[in-house]
C-alpha atoms as a PDB file:
ATOM      1  CA  MET A   1      12.172  13.516  23.826  1.00  0.00           C
ATOM      2  CA  LEU A   2      15.684  12.683  24.956  1.00  0.00           C
ATOM      3  CA  PRO A   3      14.998  13.582  28.604  1.00  0.00           C
ATOM      4  CA  THR A   4      11.955  11.298  28.502  1.00  0.00           C
ATOM      5  CA  LEU A   5      14.036   8.421  27.178  1.00  0.00           C
ATOM      6  CA  ALA A   6      16.685   9.047  29.829  1.00  0.00           C
ATOM      7  CA  LEU A   7      14.047   8.940  32.546  1.00  0.00           C
ATOM      8  CA  LEU A   8      12.647   5.751  31.084  1.00  0.00           C
ATOM      9  CA  PHE A   9      16.022   4.008  31.210  1.00  0.00           C
ATOM     10  CA  MET A  10      16.827   5.343  34.690  1.00  0.00           C
ATOM     11  CA  GLN A  11      13.928   3.448  36.294  1.00  0.00           C
ATOM     12  CA  THR A  12      15.226   1.039  38.833  1.00  0.00           C
ATOM     13  CA  GLU A  13      12.247  -1.216  39.167  1.00  0.00           C
ATOM     14  CA  MET A  14       9.948  -2.558  36.490  1.00  0.00           C
ATOM     15  CA  SER A  15       7.889  -5.665  36.396  1.00  0.00           C
ATOM     16  CA  ALA A  16       6.050  -7.509  33.658  1.00  0.00           C
ATOM     17  CA  LYS A  17       4.335 -10.869  33.453  1.00  0.00           C
ATOM     18  CA  GLN A  18       5.937 -13.061  30.830  1.00  0.00           C
ATOM     19  CA  PRO A  19       3.416 -15.027  28.766  1.00  0.00           C
ATOM     20  CA  SER A  20       3.791 -18.800  28.984  1.00  0.00           C
ATOM     21  CA  TYR A  21       4.460 -19.108  25.240  1.00  0.00           C
ATOM     22  CA  PHE A  22       7.132 -16.372  25.110  1.00  0.00           C
ATOM     23  CA  ALA A  23      10.256 -18.560  25.181  1.00  0.00           C
ATOM     24  CA  VAL A  24       8.848 -21.098  22.698  1.00  0.00           C
ATOM     25  CA  VAL A  25       7.841 -18.396  20.220  1.00  0.00           C
ATOM     26  CA  LEU A  26      11.094 -16.448  20.595  1.00  0.00           C
ATOM     27  CA  VAL A  27      13.400 -19.440  20.192  1.00  0.00           C
ATOM     28  CA  GLY A  28      11.203 -21.022  17.538  1.00  0.00           C
ATOM     29  CA  THR A  29      11.159 -17.956  15.337  1.00  0.00           C
ATOM     30  CA  LEU A  30      14.904 -17.401  15.767  1.00  0.00           C
ATOM     31  CA  VAL A  31      15.666 -20.997  14.784  1.00  0.00           C
ATOM     32  CA  ALA A  32      13.186 -20.979  11.877  1.00  0.00           C
ATOM     33  CA  GLY A  33      14.547 -17.636  10.644  1.00  0.00           C
ATOM     34  CA  GLY A  34      18.135 -18.842  10.901  1.00  0.00           C
ATOM     35  CA  ILE A  35      17.370 -22.044   8.988  1.00  0.00           C
ATOM     36  CA  GLY A  36      15.407 -20.085   6.406  1.00  0.00           C
ATOM     37  CA  TRP A  37      18.229 -17.617   5.805  1.00  0.00           C
ATOM     38  CA  LEU A  38      20.749 -20.446   5.649  1.00  0.00           C
ATOM     39  CA  ILE A  39      18.678 -22.172   2.947  1.00  0.00           C
ATOM     40  CA  ALA A  40      18.299 -18.858   1.078  1.00  0.00           C
ATOM     41  CA  ALA A  41      22.055 -18.257   1.176  1.00  0.00           C
ATOM     42  CA  VAL A  42      22.939 -21.776  -0.008  1.00  0.00           C
ATOM     43  CA  LEU A  43      20.367 -21.716  -2.812  1.00  0.00           C
ATOM     44  CA  GLY A  44      21.406 -18.215  -3.843  1.00  0.00           C
ATOM     45  CA  PHE A  45      25.093 -18.998  -4.086  1.00  0.00           C
ATOM     46  CA  ALA A  46      24.293 -22.260  -5.936  1.00  0.00           C
ATOM     47  CA  ARG A  47      22.252 -20.377  -8.517  1.00  0.00           C
ATOM     48  CA  ALA A  48      24.460 -17.278  -8.743  1.00  0.00           C
ATOM     49  CA  ARG A  49      26.358 -18.622 -11.743  1.00  0.00           C
ATOM     50  CA  ALA A  50      23.140 -19.082 -13.723  1.00  0.00           C
ATOM     51  CA  PHE A  51      21.398 -15.878 -12.669  1.00  0.00           C
ATOM     52  CA  GLY A  52      24.290 -13.463 -12.405  1.00  0.00           C
ATOM     53  CA  ALA A  53      25.419 -10.816  -9.969  1.00  0.00           C
ATOM     54  CA  SER A  54      21.966  -9.996  -8.583  1.00  0.00           C
ATOM     55  CA  ALA A  55      21.571 -13.486  -7.150  1.00  0.00           C
ATOM     56  CA  ARG A  56      25.007 -13.200  -5.541  1.00  0.00           C
ATOM     57  CA  TRP A  57      24.046  -9.925  -3.864  1.00  0.00           C
ATOM     58  CA  PHE A  58      20.803 -11.402  -2.568  1.00  0.00           C
ATOM     59  CA  SER A  59      22.789 -14.384  -1.239  1.00  0.00           C
ATOM     60  CA  MET A  60      25.135 -12.030   0.583  1.00  0.00           C
ATOM     61  CA  ALA A  61      22.084 -10.323   2.103  1.00  0.00           C
ATOM     62  CA  ALA A  62      20.873 -13.730   3.313  1.00  0.00           C
ATOM     63  CA  VAL A  63      24.279 -14.387   4.882  1.00  0.00           C
ATOM     64  CA  CYS A  64      24.127 -11.012   6.658  1.00  0.00           C
ATOM     65  CA  LEU A  65      20.707 -11.866   8.093  1.00  0.00           C
ATOM     66  CA  LEU A  66      21.950 -15.299   9.106  1.00  0.00           C
ATOM     67  CA  ILE A  67      24.811 -13.631  10.999  1.00  0.00           C
ATOM     68  CA  TYR A  68      22.218 -11.299  12.577  1.00  0.00           C
ATOM     69  CA  HIS A  69      20.347 -14.310  13.931  1.00  0.00           C
ATOM     70  CA  ILE A  70      23.525 -15.797  15.358  1.00  0.00           C
ATOM     71  CA  GLN A  71      24.458 -12.422  16.838  1.00  0.00           C
ATOM     72  CA  PHE A  72      21.023 -12.147  18.449  1.00  0.00           C
ATOM     73  CA  LEU A  73      21.482 -15.540  20.126  1.00  0.00           C
ATOM     74  CA  LEU A  74      24.962 -14.512  21.335  1.00  0.00           C
ATOM     75  CA  LEU A  75      23.443 -11.346  22.773  1.00  0.00           C
ATOM     76  CA  GLY A  76      20.976 -13.479  24.722  1.00  0.00           C
ATOM     77  CA  PHE A  77      23.771 -15.639  26.119  1.00  0.00           C
ATOM     78  CA  LEU A  78      25.737 -12.531  27.079  1.00  0.00           C
ATOM     79  CA  ALA A  79      22.661 -11.131  28.806  1.00  0.00           C
ATOM     80  CA  VAL A  80      22.302 -14.293  30.876  1.00  0.00           C
ATOM     81  CA  LEU A  81      25.994 -14.178  31.806  1.00  0.00           C
ATOM     82  CA  GLY A  82      25.727 -10.480  32.587  1.00  0.00           C
ATOM     83  CA  ALA A  83      22.736 -11.107  34.821  1.00  0.00           C
ATOM     84  CA  GLN A  84      24.627 -13.799  36.717  1.00  0.00           C
ATOM     85  CA  GLN A  85      27.648 -11.578  37.225  1.00  0.00           C
ATOM     86  CA  ASN A  86      25.588  -8.366  37.605  1.00  0.00           C
ATOM     87  CA  ASP A  87      27.679  -6.711  34.859  1.00  0.00           C
ATOM     88  CA  PHE A  88      25.861  -5.549  31.767  1.00  0.00           C
ATOM     89  CA  ASP A  89      28.673  -3.484  30.211  1.00  0.00           C
ATOM     90  CA  SER A  90      29.670  -6.219  27.768  1.00  0.00           C
ATOM     91  CA  VAL A  91      26.020  -6.827  26.892  1.00  0.00           C
ATOM     92  CA  LEU A  92      25.493  -3.167  26.017  1.00  0.00           C
ATOM     93  CA  SER A  93      28.808  -3.004  24.128  1.00  0.00           C
ATOM     94  CA  PHE A  94      27.837  -6.028  22.027  1.00  0.00           C
ATOM     95  CA  GLY A  95      24.203  -4.981  21.678  1.00  0.00           C
ATOM     96  CA  ALA A  96      25.110  -1.549  20.287  1.00  0.00           C
ATOM     97  CA  PHE A  97      26.181  -3.235  17.056  1.00  0.00           C
ATOM     98  CA  LEU A  98      23.200  -5.589  16.823  1.00  0.00           C
ATOM     99  CA  ASN A  99      21.677  -4.013  13.743  1.00  0.00           C
ATOM    100  CA  VAL A 100      24.908  -3.673  11.743  1.00  0.00           C
ATOM    101  CA  PHE A 101      24.240  -6.859   9.794  1.00  0.00           C
ATOM    102  CA  VAL A 102      20.664  -5.793   9.097  1.00  0.00           C
ATOM    103  CA  VAL A 103      21.998  -2.595   7.531  1.00  0.00           C
ATOM    104  CA  LEU A 104      24.597  -4.557   5.544  1.00  0.00           C
ATOM    105  CA  GLY A 105      21.873  -6.986   4.391  1.00  0.00           C
ATOM    106  CA  ALA A 106      19.761  -4.046   3.248  1.00  0.00           C
ATOM    107  CA  ILE A 107      22.692  -2.628   1.283  1.00  0.00           C
ATOM    108  CA  CYS A 108      23.281  -6.021  -0.328  1.00  0.00           C
ATOM    109  CA  SER A 109      19.586  -6.304  -1.254  1.00  0.00           C
ATOM    110  CA  ILE A 110      19.649  -2.840  -2.783  1.00  0.00           C
ATOM    111  CA  MET A 111      22.671  -3.820  -4.837  1.00  0.00           C
ATOM    112  CA  GLY A 112      20.865  -6.979  -5.878  1.00  0.00           C
ATOM    113  CA  PHE A 113      17.907  -4.989  -7.142  1.00  0.00           C
ATOM    114  CA  VAL A 114      20.222  -2.555  -8.918  1.00  0.00           C
ATOM    115  CA  ARG A 115      21.986  -5.472 -10.662  1.00  0.00           C
ATOM    116  CA  LEU A 116      18.749  -7.005 -12.016  1.00  0.00           C
ATOM    117  CA  THR A 117      19.120  -6.565 -15.736  1.00  0.00           C
ATOM    118  CA  ASN A 118      16.328  -8.499 -17.493  1.00  0.00           C
ATOM    119  CA  PRO A 119      12.975  -6.792 -16.917  1.00  0.00           C
ATOM    120  CA  ARG A 120       9.965  -8.686 -18.189  1.00  0.00           C
END
C-alpha cells in the first residue's frame, strides 16, 4: 500500500475540472462552520456555571474546532503563497498538524461525556 501511495504522490501532472460552485461551497461551509462553532463556544462557556464541568468540556471542544477552521483558512493562504513562490515546504509543514485540533476537540468531547452526571 505504501508504494502505491508513494507513486500516487510522485505524479508530476494531474488535471481536474473544478466545478463552478466549488469555491462558493468551500468558503461558505468554512464560514458557516466557524460561526457555528463560535456560537457553540460562547453559549457553552456562558452556561458552564449552571450545567457544570461537562458543558465546559464541550465548550473547549467547540473552541478546538473553531481553531481548526481558522487553521484550515491559514493553510489555504499558505498554499496560495507557496504556489506563487513555488515553495510548498511551509505548506506541508503547517498542513502536517492540521488535524491536531480535531483530535483535541474529540478528547474534550469525550471528557464532556464522561463528566455528565445526571442521567434521566
